[in-house]
C-alpha atoms as a PDB file:
ATOM      1  CA  MET A   1      26.970  20.823  22.118  1.00  0.00           C
ATOM      2  CA  THR A   2      27.072  18.541  25.113  1.00  0.00           C
ATOM      3  CA  GLU A   3      29.715  18.150  27.738  1.00  0.00           C
ATOM      4  CA  ALA A   4      31.680  14.891  27.634  1.00  0.00           C
ATOM      5  CA  PRO A   5      34.385  13.765  30.086  1.00  0.00           C
ATOM      6  CA  ASP A   6      37.070  14.861  27.606  1.00  0.00           C
ATOM      7  CA  GLY A   7      35.446  18.211  26.761  1.00  0.00           C
ATOM      8  CA  PRO A   8      32.640  19.557  24.529  1.00  0.00           C
ATOM      9  CA  VAL A   9      31.318  17.306  21.739  1.00  0.00           C
ATOM     10  CA  ALA A  10      29.681  18.716  18.625  1.00  0.00           C
ATOM     11  CA  HIS A  11      26.741  16.874  17.082  1.00  0.00           C
ATOM     12  CA  ALA A  12      26.578  16.876  13.301  1.00  0.00           C
ATOM     13  CA  GLU A  13      23.343  17.967  11.675  1.00  0.00           C
ATOM     14  CA  PRO A  14      21.770  15.636   9.101  1.00  0.00           C
ATOM     15  CA  ALA A  15      23.054  16.184   5.565  1.00  0.00           C
ATOM     16  CA  GLY A  16      19.619  16.619   3.954  1.00  0.00           C
ATOM     17  CA  ALA A  17      16.900  19.046   4.901  1.00  0.00           C
ATOM     18  CA  THR A  18      13.815  17.464   6.406  1.00  0.00           C
ATOM     19  CA  HIS A  19      10.392  18.049   4.928  1.00  0.00           C
ATOM     20  CA  VAL A  20       7.507  18.771   7.249  1.00  0.00           C
ATOM     21  CA  VAL A  21       4.111  17.871   5.845  1.00  0.00           C
ATOM     22  CA  PRO A  22       1.320  20.195   7.001  1.00  0.00           C
ATOM     23  CA  VAL A  23      -1.161  18.608   9.402  1.00  0.00           C
ATOM     24  CA  ARG A  24      -3.977  19.590   7.033  1.00  0.00           C
ATOM     25  CA  VAL A  25      -2.499  17.370   4.291  1.00  0.00           C
ATOM     26  CA  LEU A  26      -2.002  14.452   6.677  1.00  0.00           C
ATOM     27  CA  ALA A  27      -5.564  14.824   7.969  1.00  0.00           C
ATOM     28  CA  ARG A  28      -6.945  14.761   4.426  1.00  0.00           C
ATOM     29  CA  VAL A  29      -4.946  11.638   3.589  1.00  0.00           C
ATOM     30  CA  TRP A  30      -6.134  10.011   6.804  1.00  0.00           C
ATOM     31  CA  GLY A  31      -9.724  10.902   5.878  1.00  0.00           C
ATOM     32  CA  ALA A  32      -9.232   9.420   2.415  1.00  0.00           C
ATOM     33  CA  LEU A  33      -7.887   6.230   3.991  1.00  0.00           C
ATOM     34  CA  LEU A  34     -10.956   6.021   6.234  1.00  0.00           C
ATOM     35  CA  VAL A  35     -13.286   6.515   3.274  1.00  0.00           C
ATOM     36  CA  LEU A  36     -11.436   3.866   1.280  1.00  0.00           C
ATOM     37  CA  THR A  37     -11.664   1.469   4.231  1.00  0.00           C
ATOM     38  CA  LEU A  38     -15.419   2.020   4.432  1.00  0.00           C
ATOM     39  CA  LEU A  39     -15.608   1.499   0.668  1.00  0.00           C
ATOM     40  CA  THR A  40     -13.733  -1.792   1.053  1.00  0.00           C
ATOM     41  CA  VAL A  41     -16.214  -2.978   3.672  1.00  0.00           C
ATOM     42  CA  ALA A  42     -19.176  -1.869   1.547  1.00  0.00           C
ATOM     43  CA  VAL A  43     -17.843  -3.618  -1.548  1.00  0.00           C
ATOM     44  CA  ALA A  44     -17.242  -6.817   0.433  1.00  0.00           C
ATOM     45  CA  ARG A  45     -20.933  -6.927   1.338  1.00  0.00           C
ATOM     46  CA  VAL A  46     -22.022  -6.737  -2.317  1.00  0.00           C
ATOM     47  CA  ASP A  47     -21.707  -9.828  -4.495  1.00  0.00           C
ATOM     48  CA  LEU A  48     -19.924  -8.740  -7.665  1.00  0.00           C
ATOM     49  CA  GLY A  49     -18.710 -12.202  -8.580  1.00  0.00           C
ATOM     50  CA  SER A  50     -15.105 -12.298  -9.650  1.00  0.00           C
ATOM     51  CA  LEU A  51     -14.869  -8.492  -9.519  1.00  0.00           C
ATOM     52  CA  ASN A  52     -14.867  -8.500  -5.716  1.00  0.00           C
ATOM     53  CA  LEU A  53     -11.223  -9.533  -5.529  1.00  0.00           C
ATOM     54  CA  ASP A  54     -10.169  -7.165  -8.298  1.00  0.00           C
ATOM     55  CA  LEU A  55     -11.898  -4.214  -6.671  1.00  0.00           C
ATOM     56  CA  ALA A  56     -10.522  -5.084  -3.221  1.00  0.00           C
ATOM     57  CA  MET A  57      -6.979  -5.274  -4.626  1.00  0.00           C
ATOM     58  CA  LEU A  58      -7.429  -1.953  -6.431  1.00  0.00           C
ATOM     59  CA  ILE A  59      -8.643  -0.211  -3.276  1.00  0.00           C
ATOM     60  CA  ALA A  60      -5.799  -1.746  -1.247  1.00  0.00           C
ATOM     61  CA  THR A  61      -3.280  -0.542  -3.827  1.00  0.00           C
ATOM     62  CA  VAL A  62      -4.637   3.005  -3.676  1.00  0.00           C
ATOM     63  CA  LYS A  63      -4.505   2.943   0.130  1.00  0.00           C
ATOM     64  CA  ALA A  64      -0.936   1.630   0.148  1.00  0.00           C
ATOM     65  CA  THR A  65       0.083   4.275  -2.371  1.00  0.00           C
ATOM     66  CA  LEU A  66      -1.363   7.050  -0.195  1.00  0.00           C
ATOM     67  CA  VAL A  67       0.484   5.729   2.844  1.00  0.00           C
ATOM     68  CA  VAL A  68       3.779   5.487   0.977  1.00  0.00           C
ATOM     69  CA  LEU A  69       3.422   8.894  -0.679  1.00  0.00           C
ATOM     70  CA  TYR A  70       2.414  10.951   2.325  1.00  0.00           C
ATOM     71  CA  PHE A  71       3.156   9.133   5.568  1.00  0.00           C
ATOM     72  CA  MET A  72       6.470   7.744   4.315  1.00  0.00           C
ATOM     73  CA  HIS A  73       7.243  11.019   2.454  1.00  0.00           C
ATOM     74  CA  LEU A  74       7.938   9.420  -0.940  1.00  0.00           C
ATOM     75  CA  ARG A  75       6.168  12.312  -2.635  1.00  0.00           C
ATOM     76  CA  TYR A  76       8.829  14.702  -1.382  1.00  0.00           C
ATOM     77  CA  ASP A  77      11.832  12.443  -1.999  1.00  0.00           C
ATOM     78  CA  ARG A  78      13.990  11.818  -5.068  1.00  0.00           C
ATOM     79  CA  PRO A  79      12.037  10.848  -8.221  1.00  0.00           C
ATOM     80  CA  ILE A  80      14.020   7.639  -8.733  1.00  0.00           C
ATOM     81  CA  LEU A  81      12.453   6.229  -5.561  1.00  0.00           C
ATOM     82  CA  ALA A  82       9.007   6.748  -7.071  1.00  0.00           C
ATOM     83  CA  VAL A  83      10.129   4.766 -10.113  1.00  0.00           C
ATOM     84  CA  VAL A  84      11.358   1.958  -7.835  1.00  0.00           C
ATOM     85  CA  PHE A  85       8.030   1.976  -5.970  1.00  0.00           C
ATOM     86  CA  ALA A  86       6.028   1.871  -9.214  1.00  0.00           C
ATOM     87  CA  ALA A  87       8.171  -1.005 -10.507  1.00  0.00           C
ATOM     88  CA  ALA A  88       7.624  -2.904  -7.249  1.00  0.00           C
ATOM     89  CA  LEU A  89       3.856  -2.414  -7.565  1.00  0.00           C
ATOM     90  CA  LEU A  90       3.919  -3.675 -11.143  1.00  0.00           C
ATOM     91  CA  PHE A  91       5.861  -6.779 -10.143  1.00  0.00           C
ATOM     92  CA  VAL A  92       3.476  -7.528  -7.272  1.00  0.00           C
ATOM     93  CA  ALA A  93       0.522  -7.104  -9.633  1.00  0.00           C
ATOM     94  CA  LEU A  94       2.205  -9.417 -12.125  1.00  0.00           C
ATOM     95  CA  PHE A  95       2.861 -12.109  -9.522  1.00  0.00           C
ATOM     96  CA  VAL A  96      -0.656 -11.926  -8.092  1.00  0.00           C
ATOM     97  CA  SER A  97      -2.149 -12.035 -11.597  1.00  0.00           C
ATOM     98  CA  ILE A  98      -0.144 -15.109 -12.542  1.00  0.00           C
ATOM     99  CA  THR A  99      -1.208 -16.808  -9.321  1.00  0.00           C
ATOM    100  CA  LEU A 100      -4.866 -16.007  -9.952  1.00  0.00           C
ATOM    101  CA  LEU A 101      -4.637 -17.341 -13.513  1.00  0.00           C
ATOM    102  CA  ASP A 102      -3.753 -20.723 -12.044  1.00  0.00           C
ATOM    103  CA  THR A 103      -6.919 -20.864  -9.917  1.00  0.00           C
ATOM    104  CA  HIS A 104      -8.976 -22.583 -12.612  1.00  0.00           C
ATOM    105  CA  ALA A 105      -6.377 -25.328 -13.014  1.00  0.00           C
ATOM    106  CA  TYR A 106      -6.981 -26.753  -9.542  1.00  0.00           C
ATOM    107  CA  ALA A 107     -10.585 -25.655  -8.923  1.00  0.00           C
ATOM    108  CA  HIS A 108     -11.911 -29.197  -9.429  1.00  0.00           C
ATOM    109  CA  ASN A 109      -9.726 -30.418  -6.524  1.00  0.00           C
ATOM    110  CA  LEU A 110     -11.284 -28.060  -3.984  1.00  0.00           C
ATOM    111  CA  ILE A 111     -13.432 -29.427  -1.193  1.00  0.00           C
ATOM    112  CA  PRO A 112     -17.107 -28.690  -1.997  1.00  0.00           C
ATOM    113  CA  ASP A 113     -18.422 -25.585  -0.199  1.00  0.00           C
ATOM    114  CA  TYR A 114     -14.966 -24.949   1.309  1.00  0.00           C
ATOM    115  CA  GLY A 115     -13.035 -23.049  -1.340  1.00  0.00           C
ATOM    116  CA  PRO A 116     -13.994 -20.047  -3.445  1.00  0.00           C
ATOM    117  CA  ALA A 117     -17.068 -20.423  -5.606  1.00  0.00           C
ATOM    118  CA  LEU A 118     -15.906 -20.617  -9.197  1.00  0.00           C
ATOM    119  CA  PRO A 119     -18.067 -20.832 -12.306  1.00  0.00           C
ATOM    120  CA  LYS A 120     -18.152 -24.276 -13.937  1.00  0.00           C
END
């Protein structure tokens, strides 16, 4: 309670209970994110052809999922929110896939040695 000019004012507590994630869990997730970042850099230095983009997107998806689950507390929230998150990931993957399918349609219009190297 605090004192206001008209008298004491009560502050309402939040309706839901908060969840405190142990520091050990957050440190492990942070370590996993660091390892995945190093893996991203290592994979970028290796020429895997068209797999480079696929692998980079996969690693980025795993990293984003870890951030959403632990740092944004989705793991401890209502299950329907996990379904919404999974649906959003599927739609993003669908849109990116459709965009990448179109790459071969305009590859012949790219400036030589400027755009991505595509097989002929």
